[in-house]
N, C-alpha and C. Protein backbone atom coordinates (compact mmCIF):
# COMPACT_ATOMS: atom_id res chain seq x y z
N MET A 1 -45.01 190.44 178.43
CA MET A 1 -43.69 191.00 178.15
C MET A 1 -43.56 192.34 178.87
N SER A 2 -42.45 192.56 179.50
CA SER A 2 -42.27 193.79 180.27
C SER A 2 -40.91 194.38 179.96
N ARG A 3 -40.78 195.66 180.27
CA ARG A 3 -39.51 196.34 180.09
C ARG A 3 -39.44 197.49 181.09
N ASN A 4 -38.26 198.03 181.31
CA ASN A 4 -38.13 199.16 182.22
C ASN A 4 -38.89 200.36 181.67
N PRO A 5 -39.65 201.05 182.50
CA PRO A 5 -40.46 202.16 181.99
C PRO A 5 -39.69 203.46 181.87
N ASN A 6 -40.18 204.31 181.03
CA ASN A 6 -39.68 205.68 180.94
C ASN A 6 -40.76 206.56 181.52
N CYS A 7 -40.65 206.88 182.81
CA CYS A 7 -41.74 207.54 183.53
C CYS A 7 -42.10 208.90 182.97
N THR A 8 -41.20 209.52 182.20
CA THR A 8 -41.50 210.84 181.66
C THR A 8 -42.65 210.80 180.66
N ARG A 9 -43.06 209.62 180.23
CA ARG A 9 -44.17 209.53 179.29
C ARG A 9 -45.52 209.68 179.99
N CYS A 10 -45.56 209.52 181.32
CA CYS A 10 -46.82 209.70 182.04
C CYS A 10 -47.24 211.16 181.96
N LYS A 11 -48.53 211.39 181.95
CA LYS A 11 -49.05 212.75 181.86
C LYS A 11 -48.88 213.51 183.17
N ARG A 12 -48.80 212.78 184.28
CA ARG A 12 -48.72 213.44 185.59
C ARG A 12 -47.54 212.90 186.37
N THR A 13 -46.37 212.94 185.77
CA THR A 13 -45.18 212.34 186.39
C THR A 13 -44.93 212.89 187.79
N LYS A 14 -45.11 214.20 187.97
CA LYS A 14 -44.80 214.81 189.26
C LYS A 14 -45.72 214.29 190.36
N GLU A 15 -46.98 213.96 190.01
CA GLU A 15 -47.92 213.50 191.01
C GLU A 15 -47.94 211.97 191.14
N CYS A 16 -47.33 211.28 190.19
CA CYS A 16 -47.39 209.83 190.18
C CYS A 16 -46.67 209.25 191.40
N THR A 17 -47.36 208.42 192.14
CA THR A 17 -46.82 207.90 193.39
C THR A 17 -45.63 206.97 193.17
N ILE A 18 -45.59 206.25 192.05
CA ILE A 18 -44.47 205.34 191.86
C ILE A 18 -43.52 205.83 190.77
N SER A 19 -43.61 207.11 190.44
CA SER A 19 -42.62 207.68 189.52
C SER A 19 -41.26 207.63 190.21
N CYS A 20 -40.33 206.90 189.65
CA CYS A 20 -39.08 206.68 190.37
C CYS A 20 -37.87 206.73 189.45
N ASP A 21 -37.86 207.68 188.53
CA ASP A 21 -36.67 207.88 187.71
C ASP A 21 -35.45 208.16 188.59
N ASN A 22 -34.32 207.60 188.20
CA ASN A 22 -33.05 207.87 188.88
C ASN A 22 -33.06 207.46 190.35
N THR A 23 -33.78 206.45 190.69
CA THR A 23 -33.76 205.91 192.05
C THR A 23 -33.49 204.41 191.97
N PRO A 24 -33.09 203.80 193.07
CA PRO A 24 -32.83 202.35 193.05
C PRO A 24 -34.09 201.53 192.73
N TYR A 25 -35.27 202.17 192.79
CA TYR A 25 -36.51 201.42 192.58
C TYR A 25 -36.87 201.27 191.12
N ILE A 26 -36.16 201.95 190.22
CA ILE A 26 -36.51 201.90 188.81
C ILE A 26 -36.48 200.48 188.28
N SER A 27 -35.55 199.65 188.78
CA SER A 27 -35.43 198.28 188.31
C SER A 27 -36.56 197.40 188.85
N ARG A 28 -37.32 197.91 189.83
CA ARG A 28 -38.38 197.12 190.42
C ARG A 28 -39.75 197.47 189.86
N VAL A 29 -39.75 198.34 188.85
CA VAL A 29 -40.99 198.70 188.16
C VAL A 29 -41.01 197.98 186.82
N LYS A 30 -42.12 197.33 186.52
CA LYS A 30 -42.28 196.65 185.25
C LYS A 30 -43.41 197.29 184.46
N GLU A 31 -43.34 197.16 183.17
CA GLU A 31 -44.39 197.71 182.32
C GLU A 31 -45.09 196.57 181.58
N PHE A 32 -46.40 196.64 181.55
CA PHE A 32 -47.19 195.64 180.85
C PHE A 32 -48.11 196.32 179.85
N GLU A 33 -48.40 195.64 178.77
CA GLU A 33 -49.32 196.15 177.77
C GLU A 33 -50.57 195.27 177.73
N PHE A 34 -51.73 195.91 177.65
CA PHE A 34 -53.00 195.19 177.59
C PHE A 34 -53.81 195.67 176.40
N ARG A 35 -54.37 194.74 175.69
CA ARG A 35 -55.26 195.09 174.60
C ARG A 35 -56.61 195.51 175.15
N LYS A 36 -57.45 196.09 174.31
CA LYS A 36 -58.79 196.48 174.71
C LYS A 36 -59.55 195.26 175.23
N GLY A 37 -60.13 195.39 176.42
CA GLY A 37 -60.86 194.29 177.03
C GLY A 37 -60.00 193.34 177.83
N GLY A 38 -58.70 193.61 177.90
CA GLY A 38 -57.81 192.74 178.66
C GLY A 38 -58.04 192.88 180.15
N ILE A 39 -58.08 191.75 180.85
CA ILE A 39 -58.30 191.75 182.30
C ILE A 39 -56.95 191.90 183.01
N VAL A 40 -56.79 193.01 183.72
CA VAL A 40 -55.55 193.25 184.46
C VAL A 40 -55.52 192.36 185.70
N TYR A 41 -56.64 192.32 186.44
CA TYR A 41 -56.82 191.40 187.55
C TYR A 41 -58.31 191.26 187.83
N SER A 42 -58.67 190.22 188.59
CA SER A 42 -60.08 189.93 188.85
C SER A 42 -60.40 190.06 190.33
N CYS A 43 -61.62 190.44 190.62
CA CYS A 43 -62.10 190.58 192.00
C CYS A 43 -61.96 189.26 192.76
N GLY A 44 -61.49 189.34 193.99
CA GLY A 44 -61.39 188.16 194.84
C GLY A 44 -60.06 187.45 194.78
N LEU A 45 -59.25 187.74 193.78
CA LEU A 45 -57.94 187.08 193.68
C LEU A 45 -56.93 187.76 194.61
N PRO A 46 -55.88 187.06 194.99
CA PRO A 46 -54.85 187.67 195.84
C PRO A 46 -54.22 188.86 195.14
N THR A 47 -53.91 189.88 195.90
CA THR A 47 -53.27 191.07 195.33
C THR A 47 -51.78 190.85 195.19
N GLU A 48 -51.19 191.53 194.23
CA GLU A 48 -49.75 191.42 194.02
C GLU A 48 -49.04 192.76 194.07
N GLY A 49 -49.75 193.83 193.67
CA GLY A 49 -49.08 195.12 193.66
C GLY A 49 -49.96 196.24 193.15
N VAL A 50 -49.33 197.36 192.84
CA VAL A 50 -50.00 198.61 192.46
C VAL A 50 -49.68 198.93 191.00
N PHE A 51 -50.64 199.51 190.31
CA PHE A 51 -50.47 199.87 188.90
C PHE A 51 -50.62 201.38 188.70
N VAL A 52 -49.94 201.88 187.67
CA VAL A 52 -50.14 203.24 187.18
C VAL A 52 -50.40 203.14 185.69
N VAL A 53 -51.39 203.89 185.21
CA VAL A 53 -51.69 203.91 183.78
C VAL A 53 -50.74 204.88 183.09
N ARG A 54 -49.90 204.38 182.21
CA ARG A 54 -49.01 205.26 181.44
C ARG A 54 -49.72 205.81 180.22
N SER A 55 -50.48 204.97 179.55
CA SER A 55 -51.28 205.41 178.41
C SER A 55 -52.52 204.53 178.34
N GLY A 56 -53.57 205.07 177.75
CA GLY A 56 -54.83 204.33 177.70
C GLY A 56 -55.70 204.62 178.91
N SER A 57 -56.55 203.68 179.26
CA SER A 57 -57.45 203.84 180.40
C SER A 57 -57.96 202.49 180.86
N VAL A 58 -58.40 202.44 182.11
CA VAL A 58 -58.85 201.19 182.75
C VAL A 58 -60.15 201.48 183.49
N ARG A 59 -61.05 200.51 183.54
CA ARG A 59 -62.24 200.64 184.37
C ARG A 59 -62.19 199.60 185.48
N LEU A 60 -62.61 199.99 186.68
CA LEU A 60 -62.69 199.10 187.83
C LEU A 60 -64.14 198.73 188.03
N THR A 61 -64.46 197.45 188.00
CA THR A 61 -65.85 196.99 188.06
C THR A 61 -66.08 196.08 189.26
N PHE A 62 -67.35 195.94 189.64
CA PHE A 62 -67.75 195.04 190.71
C PHE A 62 -69.18 194.61 190.47
N SER A 63 -69.66 193.65 191.24
CA SER A 63 -71.05 193.21 191.16
C SER A 63 -71.80 193.73 192.38
N ASP A 64 -72.95 194.39 192.13
CA ASP A 64 -73.74 194.91 193.25
C ASP A 64 -74.48 193.76 193.94
N PRO A 65 -75.18 194.02 195.06
CA PRO A 65 -75.86 192.94 195.79
C PRO A 65 -76.89 192.17 194.96
N PHE A 66 -77.33 192.75 193.84
CA PHE A 66 -78.31 192.08 192.98
C PHE A 66 -77.64 191.32 191.83
N GLY A 67 -76.31 191.32 191.84
CA GLY A 67 -75.58 190.59 190.81
C GLY A 67 -75.37 191.37 189.52
N ASN A 68 -75.68 192.66 189.52
CA ASN A 68 -75.51 193.48 188.33
C ASN A 68 -74.09 194.04 188.26
N ALA A 69 -73.54 194.07 187.05
CA ALA A 69 -72.21 194.63 186.86
C ALA A 69 -72.25 196.14 187.04
N ARG A 70 -71.32 196.68 187.80
CA ARG A 70 -71.23 198.12 188.04
C ARG A 70 -69.81 198.59 187.81
N ILE A 71 -69.65 199.83 187.41
CA ILE A 71 -68.33 200.44 187.28
C ILE A 71 -68.10 201.36 188.46
N ALA A 72 -67.02 201.11 189.19
CA ALA A 72 -66.71 201.91 190.37
C ALA A 72 -65.92 203.15 190.03
N ARG A 73 -65.05 203.03 189.02
CA ARG A 73 -64.15 204.14 188.73
C ARG A 73 -63.50 203.96 187.38
N PHE A 74 -63.25 205.06 186.69
CA PHE A 74 -62.44 205.07 185.48
C PHE A 74 -61.05 205.56 185.87
N VAL A 75 -60.03 204.92 185.35
CA VAL A 75 -58.64 205.30 185.66
C VAL A 75 -57.98 205.77 184.38
N TRP A 76 -57.50 207.03 184.39
CA TRP A 76 -56.92 207.63 183.20
C TRP A 76 -55.39 207.65 183.31
N ALA A 77 -54.75 208.04 182.21
CA ALA A 77 -53.28 208.07 182.16
C ALA A 77 -52.72 208.93 183.29
N GLY A 78 -51.73 208.38 184.00
CA GLY A 78 -51.10 209.08 185.11
C GLY A 78 -51.69 208.75 186.46
N GLU A 79 -52.82 208.01 186.49
CA GLU A 79 -53.47 207.71 187.76
C GLU A 79 -53.10 206.31 188.27
N VAL A 80 -53.18 206.16 189.58
CA VAL A 80 -52.81 204.92 190.26
C VAL A 80 -54.05 204.10 190.57
N PHE A 81 -53.96 202.79 190.47
CA PHE A 81 -55.03 201.91 190.93
C PHE A 81 -54.42 200.62 191.47
N GLY A 82 -55.25 199.82 192.12
CA GLY A 82 -54.74 198.59 192.74
C GLY A 82 -54.22 198.80 194.15
N LEU A 83 -54.68 199.89 194.80
CA LEU A 83 -54.20 200.17 196.15
C LEU A 83 -54.77 199.23 197.19
N ASP A 84 -55.72 198.36 196.79
CA ASP A 84 -56.19 197.34 197.73
C ASP A 84 -55.08 196.36 198.08
N SER A 85 -53.97 196.42 197.34
CA SER A 85 -52.84 195.52 197.62
C SER A 85 -52.10 195.89 198.89
N ILE A 86 -52.38 197.06 199.45
CA ILE A 86 -51.69 197.45 200.69
C ILE A 86 -52.58 197.23 201.91
N LEU A 87 -53.77 196.68 201.71
CA LEU A 87 -54.64 196.38 202.84
C LEU A 87 -54.14 195.15 203.58
N THR A 88 -54.61 194.98 204.82
CA THR A 88 -54.21 193.81 205.60
C THR A 88 -54.72 192.53 204.95
N GLU A 89 -56.00 192.55 204.55
CA GLU A 89 -56.57 191.40 203.84
C GLU A 89 -56.39 191.64 202.36
N ARG A 90 -55.37 191.06 201.78
CA ARG A 90 -54.97 191.42 200.43
C ARG A 90 -55.67 190.56 199.37
N THR A 91 -56.91 190.93 199.10
CA THR A 91 -57.63 190.36 197.97
C THR A 91 -58.22 191.51 197.16
N ARG A 92 -58.31 191.33 195.88
CA ARG A 92 -58.79 192.38 195.00
C ARG A 92 -60.27 192.68 195.26
N LEU A 93 -60.57 193.99 195.40
CA LEU A 93 -61.94 194.43 195.65
C LEU A 93 -62.70 194.63 194.35
N PHE A 94 -61.97 194.85 193.26
CA PHE A 94 -62.60 195.10 191.96
C PHE A 94 -61.95 194.24 190.89
N THR A 95 -62.57 194.24 189.72
CA THR A 95 -61.96 193.68 188.52
C THR A 95 -61.49 194.84 187.66
N ALA A 96 -60.25 194.81 187.23
CA ALA A 96 -59.68 195.88 186.41
C ALA A 96 -59.60 195.42 184.96
N VAL A 97 -60.22 196.20 184.07
CA VAL A 97 -60.28 195.84 182.65
C VAL A 97 -59.77 197.01 181.81
N SER A 98 -58.91 196.72 180.86
CA SER A 98 -58.40 197.76 179.97
C SER A 98 -59.50 198.18 179.00
N ARG A 99 -59.77 199.49 178.91
CA ARG A 99 -60.81 200.01 178.03
C ARG A 99 -60.33 200.17 176.60
N GLU A 100 -59.03 200.16 176.41
CA GLU A 100 -58.39 200.36 175.12
C GLU A 100 -56.98 199.83 175.25
N PHE A 101 -56.22 199.89 174.18
CA PHE A 101 -54.83 199.47 174.31
C PHE A 101 -54.17 200.36 175.36
N SER A 102 -53.59 199.74 176.39
CA SER A 102 -53.07 200.50 177.52
C SER A 102 -51.69 199.99 177.94
N GLU A 103 -50.86 200.92 178.38
CA GLU A 103 -49.56 200.59 178.96
C GLU A 103 -49.63 200.89 180.45
N LEU A 104 -49.28 199.90 181.26
CA LEU A 104 -49.36 200.03 182.71
C LEU A 104 -48.01 199.79 183.35
N CYS A 105 -47.69 200.60 184.35
CA CYS A 105 -46.52 200.34 185.20
C CYS A 105 -46.98 199.54 186.41
N PHE A 106 -46.16 198.61 186.85
CA PHE A 106 -46.51 197.75 187.98
C PHE A 106 -45.35 197.69 188.97
N MET A 107 -45.71 197.73 190.26
CA MET A 107 -44.73 197.55 191.33
C MET A 107 -45.35 196.66 192.40
N THR A 108 -44.60 195.70 192.91
CA THR A 108 -45.12 194.80 193.94
C THR A 108 -45.50 195.58 195.19
N SER A 109 -46.38 195.01 196.00
CA SER A 109 -46.84 195.67 197.22
C SER A 109 -45.67 196.02 198.14
N THR A 110 -44.75 195.08 198.32
CA THR A 110 -43.60 195.31 199.21
C THR A 110 -42.74 196.44 198.70
N ALA A 111 -42.41 196.43 197.40
CA ALA A 111 -41.58 197.48 196.83
C ALA A 111 -42.29 198.83 196.88
N PHE A 112 -43.60 198.83 196.66
CA PHE A 112 -44.37 200.07 196.70
C PHE A 112 -44.35 200.68 198.09
N GLU A 113 -44.55 199.85 199.11
CA GLU A 113 -44.54 200.35 200.48
C GLU A 113 -43.17 200.90 200.86
N GLU A 114 -42.12 200.22 200.42
CA GLU A 114 -40.76 200.71 200.69
C GLU A 114 -40.52 202.04 199.98
N LEU A 115 -41.00 202.16 198.75
CA LEU A 115 -40.81 203.38 197.98
C LEU A 115 -41.52 204.56 198.62
N VAL A 116 -42.76 204.34 199.06
CA VAL A 116 -43.53 205.42 199.69
C VAL A 116 -42.85 205.89 200.97
N ARG A 117 -42.32 204.95 201.75
CA ARG A 117 -41.66 205.31 203.02
C ARG A 117 -40.29 205.93 202.82
N SER A 118 -39.72 205.77 201.63
CA SER A 118 -38.34 206.21 201.40
C SER A 118 -38.21 207.72 201.25
N ASP A 119 -39.32 208.41 201.01
CA ASP A 119 -39.25 209.84 200.74
C ASP A 119 -40.46 210.53 201.36
N LYS A 120 -40.21 211.54 202.19
CA LYS A 120 -41.30 212.22 202.88
C LYS A 120 -42.26 212.89 201.91
N ASN A 121 -41.75 213.49 200.86
CA ASN A 121 -42.61 214.14 199.87
C ASN A 121 -43.50 213.12 199.16
N ARG A 122 -42.92 211.96 198.86
CA ARG A 122 -43.70 210.91 198.22
C ARG A 122 -44.79 210.40 199.17
N LEU A 123 -44.44 210.32 200.46
CA LEU A 123 -45.41 209.86 201.45
C LEU A 123 -46.60 210.83 201.52
N TRP A 124 -46.31 212.13 201.47
CA TRP A 124 -47.39 213.13 201.49
C TRP A 124 -48.23 213.05 200.23
N ARG A 125 -47.59 212.83 199.07
CA ARG A 125 -48.34 212.69 197.83
C ARG A 125 -49.28 211.50 197.89
N PHE A 126 -48.77 210.42 198.50
CA PHE A 126 -49.59 209.22 198.63
C PHE A 126 -50.77 209.48 199.57
N ALA A 127 -50.52 210.19 200.67
CA ALA A 127 -51.60 210.53 201.60
C ALA A 127 -52.66 211.40 200.92
N LEU A 128 -52.21 212.36 200.10
CA LEU A 128 -53.14 213.21 199.37
C LEU A 128 -53.91 212.41 198.32
N LEU A 129 -53.23 211.46 197.72
CA LEU A 129 -53.89 210.60 196.74
C LEU A 129 -55.02 209.82 197.39
N LEU A 130 -54.75 209.21 198.55
CA LEU A 130 -55.78 208.45 199.25
C LEU A 130 -56.94 209.35 199.67
N ASP A 131 -56.62 210.54 200.14
CA ASP A 131 -57.66 211.49 200.53
C ASP A 131 -58.51 211.87 199.33
N GLY A 132 -57.86 212.09 198.19
CA GLY A 132 -58.61 212.44 196.98
C GLY A 132 -59.52 211.32 196.52
N LEU A 133 -59.03 210.09 196.59
CA LEU A 133 -59.84 208.95 196.18
C LEU A 133 -61.04 208.77 197.10
N ALA A 134 -60.82 208.93 198.40
CA ALA A 134 -61.92 208.82 199.37
C ALA A 134 -62.95 209.92 199.14
N HIS A 135 -62.46 211.13 198.88
CA HIS A 135 -63.35 212.27 198.64
C HIS A 135 -64.16 212.03 197.37
N HIS A 136 -63.50 211.53 196.32
CA HIS A 136 -64.18 211.23 195.07
C HIS A 136 -65.27 210.19 195.28
N SER A 137 -64.95 209.15 196.05
CA SER A 137 -65.91 208.09 196.31
C SER A 137 -67.12 208.60 197.08
N ASP A 138 -66.88 209.43 198.09
CA ASP A 138 -67.98 209.98 198.89
C ASP A 138 -68.89 210.87 198.04
N LEU A 139 -68.28 211.72 197.22
CA LEU A 139 -69.07 212.60 196.37
C LEU A 139 -69.88 211.80 195.36
N GLN A 140 -69.25 210.77 194.82
CA GLN A 140 -69.94 209.94 193.84
C GLN A 140 -71.17 209.29 194.45
N LYS A 141 -71.05 208.78 195.67
CA LYS A 141 -72.18 208.13 196.32
C LYS A 141 -73.34 209.10 196.50
N VAL A 142 -73.01 210.35 196.84
CA VAL A 142 -74.04 211.36 197.05
C VAL A 142 -74.67 211.79 195.73
N GLU A 143 -73.84 211.98 194.71
CA GLU A 143 -74.30 212.57 193.47
C GLU A 143 -75.03 211.61 192.55
N ILE A 144 -74.70 210.32 192.60
CA ILE A 144 -75.33 209.39 191.66
C ILE A 144 -76.12 208.29 192.37
N SER A 145 -76.53 208.54 193.59
CA SER A 145 -77.39 207.59 194.28
C SER A 145 -78.72 208.27 194.60
N GLY A 146 -79.81 207.53 194.40
CA GLY A 146 -81.13 208.10 194.67
C GLY A 146 -81.48 209.16 193.65
N GLY A 147 -82.66 209.71 193.77
CA GLY A 147 -83.09 210.77 192.87
C GLY A 147 -83.44 210.27 191.49
N ARG A 148 -83.82 211.20 190.63
CA ARG A 148 -84.22 210.84 189.27
C ARG A 148 -83.01 210.45 188.43
N VAL A 149 -83.24 209.57 187.48
CA VAL A 149 -82.16 209.10 186.63
C VAL A 149 -81.52 210.26 185.88
N ARG A 150 -82.33 211.22 185.45
CA ARG A 150 -81.81 212.34 184.68
C ARG A 150 -80.78 213.13 185.50
N GLU A 151 -81.09 213.37 186.75
CA GLU A 151 -80.16 214.11 187.60
C GLU A 151 -78.93 213.28 187.91
N ARG A 152 -79.12 212.00 188.14
CA ARG A 152 -77.97 211.12 188.41
C ARG A 152 -77.04 211.08 187.21
N LEU A 153 -77.63 211.04 186.01
CA LEU A 153 -76.82 211.00 184.79
C LEU A 153 -76.06 212.30 184.61
N ARG A 154 -76.72 213.42 184.82
CA ARG A 154 -76.06 214.72 184.69
C ARG A 154 -74.92 214.85 185.71
N ASN A 155 -75.17 214.43 186.94
CA ASN A 155 -74.13 214.52 187.97
C ASN A 155 -72.94 213.62 187.64
N ALA A 156 -73.23 212.42 187.11
CA ALA A 156 -72.16 211.49 186.75
C ALA A 156 -71.31 212.08 185.63
N ILE A 157 -71.96 212.66 184.61
CA ILE A 157 -71.23 213.26 183.51
C ILE A 157 -70.38 214.43 184.00
N ALA A 158 -70.96 215.26 184.86
CA ALA A 158 -70.23 216.39 185.41
C ALA A 158 -68.99 215.93 186.17
N ARG A 159 -69.13 214.84 186.93
CA ARG A 159 -68.00 214.32 187.70
C ARG A 159 -66.93 213.76 186.78
N LEU A 160 -67.34 213.08 185.71
CA LEU A 160 -66.38 212.47 184.81
C LEU A 160 -65.63 213.50 183.99
N VAL A 161 -66.30 214.54 183.52
CA VAL A 161 -65.62 215.52 182.68
C VAL A 161 -64.75 216.45 183.51
N SER A 162 -64.92 216.43 184.82
CA SER A 162 -64.07 217.27 185.67
C SER A 162 -62.81 216.54 186.11
N SER A 163 -62.55 215.37 185.48
CA SER A 163 -61.33 214.61 185.80
C SER A 163 -60.11 215.48 185.61
N PRO A 164 -59.24 215.59 186.61
CA PRO A 164 -58.07 216.47 186.51
C PRO A 164 -57.00 215.96 185.57
N THR A 165 -57.15 214.73 185.06
CA THR A 165 -56.08 214.16 184.24
C THR A 165 -56.44 214.10 182.77
N ASP A 166 -57.62 214.54 182.39
CA ASP A 166 -58.02 214.42 181.00
C ASP A 166 -58.90 215.60 180.61
N PRO A 167 -58.69 216.16 179.41
CA PRO A 167 -59.58 217.23 178.95
C PRO A 167 -61.02 216.73 178.90
N ALA A 168 -61.96 217.60 179.21
CA ALA A 168 -63.35 217.21 179.32
C ALA A 168 -63.87 216.53 178.05
N HIS A 169 -63.59 217.12 176.89
CA HIS A 169 -64.15 216.57 175.65
C HIS A 169 -63.59 215.19 175.36
N LYS A 170 -62.33 214.96 175.73
CA LYS A 170 -61.72 213.66 175.47
C LYS A 170 -62.24 212.62 176.44
N ALA A 171 -62.36 212.99 177.72
CA ALA A 171 -62.80 212.04 178.73
C ALA A 171 -64.22 211.56 178.46
N ILE A 172 -65.16 212.49 178.31
CA ILE A 172 -66.55 212.08 178.12
C ILE A 172 -66.76 211.48 176.74
N GLY A 173 -65.94 211.93 175.76
CA GLY A 173 -66.09 211.39 174.42
C GLY A 173 -65.69 209.93 174.32
N SER A 174 -64.85 209.47 175.23
CA SER A 174 -64.38 208.09 175.17
C SER A 174 -65.24 207.15 176.00
N ILE A 175 -66.19 207.69 176.75
CA ILE A 175 -67.04 206.85 177.60
C ILE A 175 -68.28 206.44 176.84
N ARG A 176 -68.55 205.16 176.83
CA ARG A 176 -69.67 204.62 176.07
C ARG A 176 -70.95 204.64 176.90
N GLN A 177 -72.09 204.55 176.21
CA GLN A 177 -73.37 204.62 176.90
C GLN A 177 -73.53 203.47 177.90
N TRP A 178 -73.08 202.28 177.53
CA TRP A 178 -73.24 201.15 178.45
C TRP A 178 -72.36 201.32 179.68
N GLU A 179 -71.22 202.04 179.52
CA GLU A 179 -70.37 202.32 180.68
C GLU A 179 -71.06 203.33 181.60
N LEU A 180 -71.68 204.35 181.03
CA LEU A 180 -72.44 205.29 181.84
C LEU A 180 -73.56 204.58 182.59
N ALA A 181 -74.21 203.64 181.91
CA ALA A 181 -75.30 202.88 182.53
C ALA A 181 -74.80 202.08 183.73
N GLN A 182 -73.67 201.41 183.57
CA GLN A 182 -73.10 200.64 184.67
C GLN A 182 -72.59 201.55 185.78
N TYR A 183 -72.14 202.73 185.41
CA TYR A 183 -71.59 203.67 186.40
C TYR A 183 -72.68 204.17 187.34
N ILE A 184 -73.86 204.48 186.80
CA ILE A 184 -74.94 205.00 187.66
C ILE A 184 -75.95 203.94 188.04
N GLY A 185 -75.82 202.72 187.49
CA GLY A 185 -76.67 201.61 187.92
C GLY A 185 -78.06 201.60 187.32
N VAL A 186 -78.18 201.89 186.01
CA VAL A 186 -79.47 201.83 185.33
C VAL A 186 -79.29 201.08 184.02
N ALA A 187 -80.40 200.83 183.31
CA ALA A 187 -80.34 200.14 182.03
C ALA A 187 -79.73 201.04 180.96
N GLU A 188 -79.04 200.43 180.00
CA GLU A 188 -78.43 201.21 178.92
C GLU A 188 -79.49 201.96 178.12
N GLU A 189 -80.67 201.33 177.93
CA GLU A 189 -81.74 201.98 177.19
C GLU A 189 -82.18 203.28 177.88
N THR A 190 -82.15 203.28 179.22
CA THR A 190 -82.53 204.47 179.98
C THR A 190 -81.54 205.60 179.73
N VAL A 191 -80.25 205.27 179.74
CA VAL A 191 -79.22 206.27 179.48
C VAL A 191 -79.37 206.82 178.06
N SER A 192 -79.60 205.94 177.09
CA SER A 192 -79.75 206.36 175.70
C SER A 192 -80.93 207.31 175.55
N ARG A 193 -82.05 206.98 176.19
CA ARG A 193 -83.25 207.83 176.11
C ARG A 193 -83.01 209.19 176.74
N GLU A 194 -82.37 209.20 177.92
CA GLU A 194 -82.13 210.46 178.61
C GLU A 194 -81.12 211.33 177.87
N LEU A 195 -80.11 210.71 177.24
CA LEU A 195 -79.15 211.49 176.47
C LEU A 195 -79.80 212.11 175.24
N ARG A 196 -80.69 211.36 174.58
CA ARG A 196 -81.40 211.92 173.43
C ARG A 196 -82.26 213.09 173.86
N ARG A 197 -82.93 212.94 175.00
CA ARG A 197 -83.77 214.01 175.51
C ARG A 197 -82.92 215.23 175.89
N PHE A 198 -81.76 214.96 176.47
CA PHE A 198 -80.85 216.04 176.87
C PHE A 198 -80.37 216.82 175.65
N HIS A 199 -79.94 216.09 174.60
CA HIS A 199 -79.46 216.75 173.39
C HIS A 199 -80.59 217.50 172.69
N ARG A 200 -81.77 216.91 172.67
CA ARG A 200 -82.91 217.55 172.02
C ARG A 200 -83.26 218.86 172.73
N THR A 201 -83.23 218.85 174.05
CA THR A 201 -83.54 220.05 174.83
C THR A 201 -82.53 221.16 174.55
N HIS A 202 -81.25 220.77 174.46
CA HIS A 202 -80.21 221.77 174.21
C HIS A 202 -80.30 222.33 172.79
N LEU A 203 -80.66 221.47 171.83
CA LEU A 203 -80.80 221.94 170.46
C LEU A 203 -81.94 222.93 170.35
N GLU A 204 -83.04 222.65 171.05
CA GLU A 204 -84.18 223.55 171.02
C GLU A 204 -83.84 224.87 171.70
N ALA A 205 -83.05 224.80 172.78
CA ALA A 205 -82.67 226.02 173.49
C ALA A 205 -81.71 226.87 172.66
N ASP A 206 -80.87 226.22 171.85
CA ASP A 206 -79.88 226.96 171.05
C ASP A 206 -80.43 227.47 169.73
N SER A 207 -81.59 226.93 169.30
CA SER A 207 -82.13 227.32 167.99
C SER A 207 -82.67 228.75 168.07
N PRO A 208 -82.49 229.58 166.99
CA PRO A 208 -82.96 230.97 167.00
C PRO A 208 -84.49 231.03 166.98
N THR A 209 -85.03 231.96 167.70
CA THR A 209 -86.49 232.13 167.72
C THR A 209 -86.92 232.94 166.52
N ARG A 210 -88.09 232.62 166.04
CA ARG A 210 -88.61 233.35 164.86
C ARG A 210 -89.66 234.37 165.29
């Protein structure tokens, strides 16, 4: 079921690439609701368009060369995903799954491309968005690949809580241990052990000396 969106509900309306209040494109944006665990689209299927998270959150997952499930990115309210729909070979690179009850705005690839080209400011925002995503991906590869699990976990947490669209306590508080494990590519038990060690170390450091 879909309805015309009220873009002012997005947390980052000014930065949203398909925010199109009061333009002819408003009728070409649809809104969909997904329950927790709902599959927005699956890897390998033909692409249809671009999504923006109005409320809730989505995780983009893939399978590594060893067949293990991995999380490529968390998408928070106000952020765009599904940009693989504008590639020449239009097949989904990831599987998108709703992490909680989520409201998503959707625009077809053709309409999205027309919208981006229709306004120079929007085109620049889109270019900055792509640059930011590429930069995020490059930093992630450096920060959570190789090295000790403890450092990879700390770097991953630091990257996640620095999300510009969500307060740190809310962002990291909503991420589960198994999601952290898939994000950095280790066993959930390893993440649980390292988090316990991390908290224990901080408690000892904060306790008053006698």
